[in-house]
C-alpha atoms as a PDB file:
ATOM      1  CA  MET A   1       0.019   0.015  -0.163  1.00  0.00           C
ATOM      2  CA  ALA A   2       1.724   3.269  -1.185  1.00  0.00           C
ATOM      3  CA  ALA A   3      -0.685   5.566   0.699  1.00  0.00           C
ATOM      4  CA  THR A   4      -0.886   5.768   4.442  1.00  0.00           C
ATOM      5  CA  VAL A   5      -4.400   5.323   5.444  1.00  0.00           C
ATOM      6  CA  VAL A   6      -5.330   7.255   8.625  1.00  0.00           C
ATOM      7  CA  VAL A   7      -8.723   6.301  10.269  1.00  0.00           C
ATOM      8  CA  CYS A   8     -10.603   9.280  11.813  1.00  0.00           C
ATOM      9  CA  PRO A   9     -13.729   9.411  14.063  1.00  0.00           C
ATOM     10  CA  ARG A  10     -16.707   9.452  11.732  1.00  0.00           C
ATOM     11  CA  ARG A  11     -18.069  12.659  12.734  1.00  0.00           C
ATOM     12  CA  GLY A  12     -15.403  14.584  15.091  1.00  0.00           C
ATOM     13  CA  ALA A  13     -12.872  16.850  13.617  1.00  0.00           C
ATOM     14  CA  ALA A  14      -9.984  15.085  15.524  1.00  0.00           C
ATOM     15  CA  LEU A  15      -7.094  13.335  13.952  1.00  0.00           C
ATOM     16  CA  PRO A  16      -5.334  10.427  15.624  1.00  0.00           C
ATOM     17  CA  ALA A  17      -2.272  11.262  17.559  1.00  0.00           C
ATOM     18  CA  ALA A  18      -0.419   8.176  15.982  1.00  0.00           C
ATOM     19  CA  ALA A  19      -0.912   9.716  12.522  1.00  0.00           C
ATOM     20  CA  LEU A  20       0.864  12.857  13.090  1.00  0.00           C
ATOM     21  CA  PRO A  21       4.351  11.512  12.106  1.00  0.00           C
ATOM     22  CA  ALA A  22       2.998  10.441   8.880  1.00  0.00           C
ATOM     23  CA  LEU A  23       1.153  13.854   8.382  1.00  0.00           C
ATOM     24  CA  ARG A  24       4.187  15.714   9.107  1.00  0.00           C
ATOM     25  CA  SER A  25       5.959  14.051   6.418  1.00  0.00           C
ATOM     26  CA  ALA A  26       3.361  13.500   3.845  1.00  0.00           C
ATOM     27  CA  SER A  27       3.855  14.847   0.140  1.00  0.00           C
ATOM     28  CA  ALA A  28      -0.030  14.937  -0.165  1.00  0.00           C
ATOM     29  CA  VAL A  29      -3.025  14.542   2.195  1.00  0.00           C
ATOM     30  CA  LEU A  30      -6.245  13.440   0.654  1.00  0.00           C
ATOM     31  CA  ALA A  31      -9.626  12.776   2.522  1.00  0.00           C
ATOM     32  CA  VAL A  32     -12.945  11.218   1.888  1.00  0.00           C
ATOM     33  CA  ALA A  33     -15.624  13.824   1.187  1.00  0.00           C
ATOM     34  CA  GLY A  34     -17.495  15.347   4.137  1.00  0.00           C
ATOM     35  CA  LEU A  35     -14.737  14.264   6.785  1.00  0.00           C
ATOM     36  CA  GLU A  36     -14.460  17.195   9.141  1.00  0.00           C
ATOM     37  CA  ALA A  37     -10.888  16.277   9.927  1.00  0.00           C
ATOM     38  CA  ALA A  38      -9.900  17.004   6.512  1.00  0.00           C
ATOM     39  CA  ASP A  39      -9.689  20.848   7.065  1.00  0.00           C
ATOM     40  CA  ALA A  40      -7.549  20.346  10.232  1.00  0.00           C
ATOM     41  CA  ALA A  41      -5.043  18.497   8.095  1.00  0.00           C
ATOM     42  CA  GLY A  42      -5.428  20.731   5.106  1.00  0.00           C
ATOM     43  CA  ALA A  43      -6.544  17.821   2.921  1.00  0.00           C
ATOM     44  CA  GLY A  44      -7.546  17.820  -0.497  1.00  0.00           C
ATOM     45  CA  PRO A  45     -10.371  15.745  -2.132  1.00  0.00           C
ATOM     46  CA  TRP A  46      -9.951  11.974  -2.730  1.00  0.00           C
ATOM     47  CA  ASP A  47     -11.133  10.692  -6.103  1.00  0.00           C
ATOM     48  CA  GLY A  48     -11.438   7.130  -5.013  1.00  0.00           C
ATOM     49  CA  THR A  49      -8.184   5.838  -6.356  1.00  0.00           C
ATOM     50  CA  ASP A  50      -6.962   2.590  -4.895  1.00  0.00           C
ATOM     51  CA  PRO A  51      -4.707   3.420  -1.915  1.00  0.00           C
ATOM     52  CA  ALA A  52      -2.186   1.026  -3.276  1.00  0.00           C
ATOM     53  CA  ALA A  53      -1.958   3.052  -6.501  1.00  0.00           C
ATOM     54  CA  LEU A  54      -1.544   6.503  -4.886  1.00  0.00           C
ATOM     55  CA  PRO A  55       2.100   7.940  -4.778  1.00  0.00           C
ATOM     56  CA  GLU A  56       4.327   7.054  -1.962  1.00  0.00           C
ATOM     57  CA  GLY A  57       4.112   9.404   0.782  1.00  0.00           C
ATOM     58  CA  THR A  58       0.437  10.258   0.322  1.00  0.00           C
ATOM     59  CA  VAL A  59      -1.823  10.017   3.459  1.00  0.00           C
ATOM     60  CA  LEU A  60      -5.227   9.274   3.042  1.00  0.00           C
ATOM     61  CA  LEU A  61      -7.971  10.244   5.710  1.00  0.00           C
ATOM     62  CA  VAL A  62     -11.023   7.947   5.921  1.00  0.00           C
ATOM     63  CA  PRO A  63     -13.792   7.657   8.571  1.00  0.00           C
ATOM     64  CA  ALA A  64     -14.044   4.745  11.023  1.00  0.00           C
ATOM     65  CA  GLY A  65     -16.111   2.190   9.277  1.00  0.00           C
ATOM     66  CA  HIS A  66     -14.938   3.023   5.676  1.00  0.00           C
ATOM     67  CA  PRO A  67     -13.821   0.104   3.701  1.00  0.00           C
ATOM     68  CA  ALA A  68     -10.328   1.414   3.426  1.00  0.00           C
ATOM     69  CA  ALA A  69     -10.055   1.446   7.345  1.00  0.00           C
ATOM     70  CA  ALA A  70      -9.602  -2.269   7.233  1.00  0.00           C
ATOM     71  CA  LEU A  71      -6.572  -2.192   5.039  1.00  0.00           C
ATOM     72  CA  PRO A  72      -3.355  -3.829   6.393  1.00  0.00           C
ATOM     73  CA  GLY A  73      -1.121  -1.002   8.010  1.00  0.00           C
ATOM     74  CA  ALA A  74      -3.945   1.566   8.433  1.00  0.00           C
ATOM     75  CA  VAL A  75      -3.456   3.819  11.199  1.00  0.00           C
ATOM     76  CA  GLY A  76      -6.485   3.507  13.435  1.00  0.00           C
ATOM     77  CA  PRO A  77      -8.082   5.819  15.957  1.00  0.00           C
ATOM     78  CA  PRO A  78      -7.609   5.233  19.493  1.00  0.00           C
ATOM     79  CA  THR A  79      -9.928   3.284  21.763  1.00  0.00           C
ATOM     80  CA  GLY A  80     -12.633   5.806  22.619  1.00  0.00           C
ATOM     81  CA  HIS A  81     -12.884   7.432  19.281  1.00  0.00           C
ATOM     82  CA  GLY A  82     -16.715   6.472  19.096  1.00  0.00           C
ATOM     83  CA  VAL A  83     -17.251   8.782  22.128  1.00  0.00           C
ATOM     84  CA  LEU A  84     -16.019  11.768  20.216  1.00  0.00           C
ATOM     85  CA  ASP A  85     -18.475  10.904  17.502  1.00  0.00           C
ATOM     86  CA  ALA A  86     -21.249  10.746  20.018  1.00  0.00           C
ATOM     87  CA  VAL A  87     -20.175  14.115  21.701  1.00  0.00           C
ATOM     88  CA  ALA A  88     -20.281  15.677  18.059  1.00  0.00           C
ATOM     89  CA  VAL A  89     -23.699  14.454  17.319  1.00  0.00           C
ATOM     90  CA  MET A  90     -25.079  15.709  20.904  1.00  0.00           C
ATOM     91  CA  ASP A  91     -23.670  18.958  20.230  1.00  0.00           C
ATOM     92  CA  ARG A  92     -25.379  18.985  16.755  1.00  0.00           C
ATOM     93  CA  LEU A  93     -28.722  18.011  18.177  1.00  0.00           C
ATOM     94  CA  ARG A  94     -28.462  20.594  20.829  1.00  0.00           C
ATOM     95  CA  SER A  95     -27.269  23.579  18.749  1.00  0.00           C
ATOM     96  CA  PRO A  96     -29.370  26.018  16.684  1.00  0.00           C
ATOM     97  CA  GLY A  97     -30.648  24.233  13.589  1.00  0.00           C
ATOM     98  CA  GLY A  98     -30.655  20.895  15.358  1.00  0.00           C
ATOM     99  CA  CYS A  99     -33.645  19.108  17.031  1.00  0.00           C
ATOM    100  CA  PRO A 100     -36.250  21.254  18.754  1.00  0.00           C
ATOM    101  CA  TRP A 101     -37.037  18.598  21.378  1.00  0.00           C
ATOM    102  CA  ASP A 102     -33.551  18.117  22.383  1.00  0.00           C
ATOM    103  CA  ALA A 103     -33.068  22.052  22.403  1.00  0.00           C
ATOM    104  CA  GLU A 104     -35.820  22.331  24.841  1.00  0.00           C
ATOM    105  CA  GLN A 105     -34.529  19.695  27.573  1.00  0.00           C
ATOM    106  CA  THR A 106     -33.229  20.682  30.981  1.00  0.00           C
ATOM    107  CA  HIS A 107     -31.437  18.641  33.801  1.00  0.00           C
ATOM    108  CA  THR A 108     -34.804  18.357  35.523  1.00  0.00           C
ATOM    109  CA  SER A 109     -36.798  17.359  32.375  1.00  0.00           C
ATOM    110  CA  LEU A 110     -34.284  14.733  31.749  1.00  0.00           C
ATOM    111  CA  LEU A 111     -34.268  13.068  35.151  1.00  0.00           C
ATOM    112  CA  ARG A 112     -37.044  10.641  34.344  1.00  0.00           C
ATOM    113  CA  TYR A 113     -35.093   9.248  31.305  1.00  0.00           C
ATOM    114  CA  LEU A 114     -31.919   8.801  33.434  1.00  0.00           C
ATOM    115  CA  VAL A 115     -33.873   6.640  35.937  1.00  0.00           C
ATOM    116  CA  GLU A 116     -35.453   4.612  33.191  1.00  0.00           C
ATOM    117  CA  GLU A 117     -32.373   4.008  31.197  1.00  0.00           C
ATOM    118  CA  CYS A 118     -30.445   2.842  34.432  1.00  0.00           C
ATOM    119  CA  TYR A 119     -33.139   0.368  35.282  1.00  0.00           C
ATOM    120  CA  GLU A 120     -33.021  -0.686  31.714  1.00  0.00           C
ATOM    121  CA  LEU A 121     -29.462  -1.335  31.834  1.00  0.00           C
ATOM    122  CA  TYR A 122     -29.810  -3.049  34.961  1.00  0.00           C
ATOM    123  CA  GLN A 123     -32.424  -5.429  33.576  1.00  0.00           C
ATOM    124  CA  SER A 124     -30.179  -6.149  30.463  1.00  0.00           C
ATOM    125  CA  ILE A 125     -27.642  -7.397  33.077  1.00  0.00           C
ATOM    126  CA  GLU A 126     -29.890  -9.440  35.104  1.00  0.00           C
ATOM    127  CA  ASP A 127     -31.072 -11.269  31.947  1.00  0.00           C
ATOM    128  CA  GLY A 128     -27.588 -11.836  30.476  1.00  0.00           C
ATOM    129  CA  ASP A 129     -28.758 -10.153  27.184  1.00  0.00           C
ATOM    130  CA  ARG A 130     -25.478  -9.043  25.556  1.00  0.00           C
ATOM    131  CA  THR A 131     -27.367  -7.302  22.646  1.00  0.00           C
ATOM    132  CA  GLU A 132     -29.581  -5.268  25.042  1.00  0.00           C
ATOM    133  CA  LEU A 133     -26.477  -4.647  27.289  1.00  0.00           C
ATOM    134  CA  ARG A 134     -24.526  -2.851  24.499  1.00  0.00           C
ATOM    135  CA  GLU A 135     -27.659  -0.854  23.675  1.00  0.00           C
ATOM    136  CA  GLU A 136     -28.517   0.112  27.059  1.00  0.00           C
ATOM    137  CA  LEU A 137     -24.887   1.234  27.899  1.00  0.00           C
ATOM    138  CA  GLY A 138     -25.427   3.524  24.932  1.00  0.00           C
ATOM    139  CA  ASP A 139     -28.398   4.834  26.367  1.00  0.00           C
ATOM    140  CA  VAL A 140     -26.890   5.581  29.690  1.00  0.00           C
ATOM    141  CA  LEU A 141     -24.041   7.188  27.895  1.00  0.00           C
ATOM    142  CA  LEU A 142     -26.419   9.439  25.881  1.00  0.00           C
ATOM    143  CA  GLN A 143     -27.892  10.648  29.461  1.00  0.00           C
ATOM    144  CA  VAL A 144     -24.397  11.647  30.434  1.00  0.00           C
ATOM    145  CA  LEU A 145     -23.669  13.282  27.191  1.00  0.00           C
ATOM    146  CA  PHE A 146     -26.998  15.177  27.156  1.00  0.00           C
ATOM    147  CA  HIS A 147     -26.479  16.510  30.760  1.00  0.00           C
ATOM    148  CA  ALA A 148     -23.028  17.576  30.102  1.00  0.00           C
ATOM    149  CA  ARG A 149     -24.297  19.420  26.911  1.00  0.00           C
ATOM    150  CA  VAL A 150     -27.028  21.089  28.724  1.00  0.00           C
ATOM    151  CA  ALA A 151     -24.369  22.135  31.522  1.00  0.00           C
ATOM    152  CA  VAL A 152     -22.547  24.242  28.713  1.00  0.00           C
ATOM    153  CA  GLU A 153     -25.215  26.638  28.560  1.00  0.00           C
ATOM    154  CA  HIS A 154     -25.612  27.552  32.396  1.00  0.00           C
ATOM    155  CA  PRO A 155     -25.065  31.244  32.566  1.00  0.00           C
ATOM    156  CA  GLY A 156     -23.338  31.246  35.840  1.00  0.00           C
ATOM    157  CA  ALA A 157     -21.335  27.971  36.333  1.00  0.00           C
ATOM    158  CA  PRO A 158     -20.968  26.261  32.722  1.00  0.00           C
ATOM    159  CA  PHE A 159     -18.925  23.144  32.210  1.00  0.00           C
ATOM    160  CA  GLY A 160     -18.995  20.420  29.402  1.00  0.00           C
ATOM    161  CA  ILE A 161     -18.051  16.757  28.681  1.00  0.00           C
ATOM    162  CA  ASP A 162     -14.358  17.619  28.986  1.00  0.00           C
ATOM    163  CA  GLU A 163     -14.576  18.891  32.518  1.00  0.00           C
ATOM    164  CA  VAL A 164     -16.800  15.965  33.387  1.00  0.00           C
ATOM    165  CA  ALA A 165     -14.257  13.488  32.021  1.00  0.00           C
ATOM    166  CA  THR A 166     -11.179  15.443  33.291  1.00  0.00           C
ATOM    167  CA  GLY A 167     -12.900  15.276  36.725  1.00  0.00           C
ATOM    168  CA  LEU A 168     -13.327  11.653  36.744  1.00  0.00           C
ATOM    169  CA  VAL A 169      -9.785  11.013  35.482  1.00  0.00           C
ATOM    170  CA  ASP A 170      -8.478  13.010  38.417  1.00  0.00           C
ATOM    171  CA  LYS A 171     -10.837  11.056  40.810  1.00  0.00           C
ATOM    172  CA  LEU A 172      -9.518   7.686  39.620  1.00  0.00           C
ATOM    173  CA  VAL A 173      -6.157   8.465  39.498  1.00  0.00           C
ATOM    174  CA  GLY A 174      -6.298  10.203  43.077  1.00  0.00           C
ATOM    175  CA  ARG A 175      -8.023   7.050  44.584  1.00  0.00           C
ATOM    176  CA  HIS A 176      -5.701   4.577  42.948  1.00  0.00           C
ATOM    177  CA  PRO A 177      -2.226   5.629  44.476  1.00  0.00           C
ATOM    178  CA  HIS A 178      -1.079   2.034  44.261  1.00  0.00           C
ATOM    179  CA  VAL A 179      -1.545   2.100  40.626  1.00  0.00           C
ATOM    180  CA  PHE A 180      -0.554   5.551  39.670  1.00  0.00           C
ATOM    181  CA  ALA A 181       1.928   6.597  42.400  1.00  0.00           C
ATOM    182  CA  ALA A 182       4.970   4.853  43.835  1.00  0.00           C
ATOM    183  CA  GLY A 183       5.294   4.178  47.548  1.00  0.00           C
ATOM    184  CA  GLU A 184       1.935   2.648  48.222  1.00  0.00           C
ATOM    185  CA  ALA A 185       0.760  -1.090  47.842  1.00  0.00           C
ATOM    186  CA  VAL A 186      -2.635  -2.518  47.752  1.00  0.00           C
ATOM    187  CA  ALA A 187      -2.874  -6.676  48.196  1.00  0.00           C
ATOM    188  CA  THR A 188      -6.432  -7.330  48.032  1.00  0.00           C
ATOM    189  CA  ALA A 189      -9.833  -5.941  46.689  1.00  0.00           C
ATOM    190  CA  ALA A 190     -10.934  -5.644  50.389  1.00  0.00           C
ATOM    191  CA  ASP A 191      -7.929  -3.652  51.118  1.00  0.00           C
ATOM    192  CA  GLN A 192      -8.569  -1.334  48.208  1.00  0.00           C
ATOM    193  CA  ASP A 193     -12.222  -0.910  49.355  1.00  0.00           C
ATOM    194  CA  ARG A 194     -11.164   0.225  52.595  1.00  0.00           C
ATOM    195  CA  ARG A 195      -8.556   2.538  51.257  1.00  0.00           C
ATOM    196  CA  TRP A 196     -11.042   3.997  48.609  1.00  0.00           C
ATOM    197  CA  ASP A 197     -13.171   4.986  51.733  1.00  0.00           C
ATOM    198  CA  GLU A 198     -10.284   6.588  53.430  1.00  0.00           C
ATOM    199  CA  LEU A 199      -9.323   8.648  50.513  1.00  0.00           C
ATOM    200  CA  LYS A 200     -12.994   9.493  49.783  1.00  0.00           C
ATOM    201  CA  ARG A 201     -13.720  10.730  53.375  1.00  0.00           C
ATOM    202  CA  ALA A 202     -10.387  12.854  53.270  1.00  0.00           C
ATOM    203  CA  GLU A 203     -11.402  14.190  49.845  1.00  0.00           C
ATOM    204  CA  LYS A 204     -14.890  14.963  50.648  1.00  0.00           C
ATOM    205  CA  GLN A 205     -14.229  16.195  54.122  1.00  0.00           C
ATOM    206  CA  ARG A 206     -17.324  14.643  55.321  1.00  0.00           C
ATOM    207  CA  GLU A 207     -18.627  15.217  58.662  1.00  0.00           C
ATOM    208  CA  SER A 208     -20.892  12.133  59.093  1.00  0.00           C
ATOM    209  CA  SER A 209     -20.490   8.500  58.011  1.00  0.00           C
ATOM    210  CA  VAL A 210     -23.741   8.847  56.117  1.00  0.00           C
ATOM    211  CA  ASP A 211     -22.882  12.134  54.024  1.00  0.00           C
ATOM    212  CA  GLY A 212     -23.109  11.431  50.362  1.00  0.00           C
ATOM    213  CA  VAL A 213     -25.750   8.554  50.658  1.00  0.00           C
ATOM    214  CA  ALA A 214     -28.296   9.264  47.705  1.00  0.00           C
ATOM    215  CA  THR A 215     -31.670   9.248  49.726  1.00  0.00           C
ATOM    216  CA  SER A 216     -33.428   9.053  46.472  1.00  0.00           C
ATOM    217  CA  GLN A 217     -32.486   5.574  45.794  1.00  0.00           C
ATOM    218  CA  PRO A 218     -34.817   2.672  46.233  1.00  0.00           C
ATOM    219  CA  ALA A 219     -35.845   2.196  49.797  1.00  0.00           C
ATOM    220  CA  VAL A 220     -34.401  -1.383  50.240  1.00  0.00           C
ATOM    221  CA  ALA A 221     -30.916  -0.046  48.773  1.00  0.00           C
ATOM    222  CA  LEU A 222     -31.072   2.975  50.947  1.00  0.00           C
ATOM    223  CA  ALA A 223     -31.374   0.740  53.994  1.00  0.00           C
ATOM    224  CA  ALA A 224     -28.613  -1.385  52.869  1.00  0.00           C
ATOM    225  CA  LYS A 225     -26.233   1.415  51.995  1.00  0.00           C
ATOM    226  CA  LEU A 226     -26.968   3.156  55.432  1.00  0.00           C
ATOM    227  CA  THR A 227     -26.304  -0.036  57.086  1.00  0.00           C
ATOM    228  CA  SER A 228     -23.013  -0.530  55.164  1.00  0.00           C
ATOM    229  CA  ARG A 229     -21.730   3.032  56.024  1.00  0.00           C
ATOM    230  CA  THR A 230     -22.676   2.865  59.640  1.00  0.00           C
ATOM    231  CA  ALA A 231     -21.277  -0.628  60.138  1.00  0.00           C
ATOM    232  CA  LYS A 232     -17.898   0.634  58.750  1.00  0.00           C
ATOM    233  CA  ALA A 233     -18.166   3.480  61.120  1.00  0.00           C
ATOM    234  CA  GLY A 234     -18.476   1.073  64.054  1.00  0.00           C
ATOM    235  CA  LEU A 235     -22.221   1.287  64.973  1.00  0.00           C
ATOM    236  CA  PRO A 236     -23.437  -1.540  66.905  1.00  0.00           C
ATOM    237  CA  ALA A 237     -25.904  -3.613  65.101  1.00  0.00           C
ATOM    238  CA  ASP A 238     -28.425  -3.330  68.015  1.00  0.00           C
ATOM    239  CA  LEU A 239     -28.796   0.424  67.388  1.00  0.00           C
ATOM    240  CA  LEU A 240     -30.312  -0.310  63.840  1.00  0.00           C
ATOM    241  CA  PRO A 241     -34.202   0.402  63.556  1.00  0.00           C
ATOM    242  CA  GLY A 242     -36.025  -1.808  66.060  1.00  0.00           C
ATOM    243  CA  ASP A 243     -39.326  -0.197  66.436  1.00  0.00           C
ATOM    244  CA  GLU A 244     -42.592  -1.877  65.729  1.00  0.00           C
ATOM    245  CA  GLY A 245     -44.030  -1.411  62.386  1.00  0.00           C
ATOM    246  CA  THR A 246     -43.691  -2.485  58.635  1.00  0.00           C
ATOM    247  CA  GLY A 247     -40.899   0.031  57.874  1.00  0.00           C
ATOM    248  CA  ALA A 248     -38.727  -1.033  60.732  1.00  0.00           C
ATOM    249  CA  ALA A 249     -39.282  -4.585  59.989  1.00  0.00           C
ATOM    250  CA  LEU A 250     -38.267  -4.155  56.388  1.00  0.00           C
ATOM    251  CA  PHE A 251     -35.304  -2.057  57.334  1.00  0.00           C
ATOM    252  CA  ARG A 252     -34.062  -4.963  59.809  1.00  0.00           C
ATOM    253  CA  LEU A 253     -34.409  -7.535  56.885  1.00  0.00           C
ATOM    254  CA  ALA A 254     -32.279  -5.266  54.550  1.00  0.00           C
ATOM    255  CA  ALA A 255     -29.849  -4.613  57.260  1.00  0.00           C
ATOM    256  CA  ALA A 256     -29.317  -8.347  57.961  1.00  0.00           C
ATOM    257  CA  ALA A 257     -28.999  -9.281  54.409  1.00  0.00           C
ATOM    258  CA  GLN A 258     -26.405  -6.349  53.917  1.00  0.00           C
ATOM    259  CA  LEU A 259     -24.313  -7.371  57.139  1.00  0.00           C
ATOM    260  CA  GLY A 260     -24.555 -11.081  55.895  1.00  0.00           C
ATOM    261  CA  GLY A 261     -22.703 -10.128  52.681  1.00  0.00           C
ATOM    262  CA  ALA A 262     -25.724 -10.163  50.408  1.00  0.00           C
ATOM    263  CA  ASP A 263     -27.400  -7.299  48.336  1.00  0.00           C
ATOM    264  CA  PRO A 264     -30.869  -7.001  49.645  1.00  0.00           C
ATOM    265  CA  GLU A 265     -31.858  -4.939  46.631  1.00  0.00           C
ATOM    266  CA  ALA A 266     -30.702  -7.499  44.123  1.00  0.00           C
ATOM    267  CA  GLU A 267     -32.086 -10.346  46.379  1.00  0.00           C
ATOM    268  CA  LEU A 268     -35.534  -8.829  46.246  1.00  0.00           C
ATOM    269  CA  ARG A 269     -35.396  -8.116  42.522  1.00  0.00           C
ATOM    270  CA  THR A 270     -34.535 -11.663  41.911  1.00  0.00           C
ATOM    271  CA  THR A 271     -37.455 -12.771  43.882  1.00  0.00           C
ATOM    272  CA  ALA A 272     -40.001 -10.304  42.411  1.00  0.00           C
ATOM    273  CA  ARG A 273     -38.961 -11.270  38.653  1.00  0.00           C
ATOM    274  CA  ALA A 274     -39.318 -15.033  39.333  1.00  0.00           C
ATOM    275  CA  PHE A 275     -42.840 -14.258  40.842  1.00  0.00           C
ATOM    276  CA  GLU A 276     -43.470 -12.207  37.682  1.00  0.00           C
ATOM    277  CA  ALA A 277     -42.556 -15.126  35.409  1.00  0.00           C
ATOM    278  CA  ARG A 278     -44.377 -17.536  37.473  1.00  0.00           C
ATOM    279  CA  VAL A 279     -47.466 -15.373  37.256  1.00  0.00           C
ATOM    280  CA  ARG A 280     -46.971 -15.129  33.414  1.00  0.00           C
ATOM    281  CA  ALA A 281     -46.378 -18.844  33.163  1.00  0.00           C
ATOM    282  CA  ALA A 282     -49.823 -19.586  35.050  1.00  0.00           C
ATOM    283  CA  GLU A 283     -51.683 -16.978  32.921  1.00  0.00           C
ATOM    284  CA  LYS A 284     -50.545 -18.477  29.662  1.00  0.00           C
ATOM    285  CA  ALA A 285     -51.330 -22.238  30.748  1.00  0.00           C
ATOM    286  CA  ALA A 286     -54.787 -20.818  31.811  1.00  0.00           C
ATOM    287  CA  ALA A 287     -55.329 -19.229  28.413  1.00  0.00           C
ATOM    288  CA  ALA A 288     -54.290 -22.201  26.485  1.00  0.00           C
ATOM    289  CA  ASP A 289     -57.014 -24.177  28.268  1.00  0.00           C
ATOM    290  CA  GLY A 290     -59.411 -21.511  27.134  1.00  0.00           C
ATOM    291  CA  HIS A 291     -59.755 -19.305  30.185  1.00  0.00           C
ATOM    292  CA  ASP A 292     -59.652 -15.563  30.391  1.00  0.00           C
ATOM    293  CA  PRO A 293     -56.256 -14.775  32.000  1.00  0.00           C
ATOM    294  CA  HIS A 294     -57.759 -11.585  33.322  1.00  0.00           C
ATOM    295  CA  ALA A 295     -60.640 -13.359  35.318  1.00  0.00           C
ATOM    296  CA  LEU A 296     -59.096 -16.394  37.175  1.00  0.00           C
ATOM    297  CA  SER A 297     -60.578 -17.483  40.354  1.00  0.00           C
ATOM    298  CA  ALA A 298     -58.465 -18.408  43.357  1.00  0.00           C
ATOM    299  CA  GLU A 299     -58.829 -22.222  42.325  1.00  0.00           C
ATOM    300  CA  ASP A 300     -57.914 -21.382  38.734  1.00  0.00           C
ATOM    301  CA  TRP A 301     -54.589 -19.647  39.938  1.00  0.00           C
ATOM    302  CA  ARG A 302     -53.794 -22.722  42.290  1.00  0.00           C
ATOM    303  CA  ARG A 303     -54.593 -25.160  39.433  1.00  0.00           C
ATOM    304  CA  TYR A 304     -52.151 -23.524  36.951  1.00  0.00           C
ATOM    305  CA  TRP A 305     -49.630 -22.265  39.326  1.00  0.00           C
ATOM    306  CA  ASP A 306     -47.367 -25.250  39.658  1.00  0.00           C
ATOM    307  CA  MET A 307     -47.760 -26.427  35.957  1.00  0.00           C
ATOM    308  CA  PRO A 308     -44.634 -26.813  34.082  1.00  0.00           C
END
């Protein structure tokens, strides 16, 4: 192959860093029509000539997914280039001339979609559905990109996806000194869990063991999280809610599961979904016998409940 093929993100204007040496020494730079990175590289239009037939020293810019991107020796974009495409698309949708619905959304109006998408991702993992998992991860990523794009427009305290990503990088590096800094070692996952909590407390300067617990999460998960936090702080188990009433009883069950090493939210979801499947199976069996599944008697339910 005479030409060096450089693969760029499909919609972003970025050029792969690995391609810079080839671009600096190129005798000519050509690009597929419509590729935004062409302007940054000062590329001319490519007429479709076979890359192998192009003169030595030519650099050909193509988008990810283009047939030429699969040629041997092509300089591919780094892992994560698809995220750049997603950022570019989100920016286009939100900008003037984009989508009216996207332009009207706020952090508050998007909240219900964030919750829905997280639960749909959760279910795809529960179901072991790899196709759904990939799609739902994309939907959750969309929520992050959308909120970051909305945040750019805040009049008093704007920030964007780069600030979000940089903050995440700083957090991950800071809380993993055994990986990114010399002089500290962590032998086990349990040790890292404890060290993470220590670093987080110092970073956040929290006054209470329950600072930072999201009280908007489902009640069983909230009870488990509070139990976990207070147990790490040394709170005796006999001081957990022990009052009479349904709420206290449910809290005690969730706390017992958490202290026993289980995830009470996941345990309850597993039981609930198994119950749902059994209800559907009984209704299906009843319908196969000519019954209206919406009008079953108690005897009908018992008759079809244990059918295979």
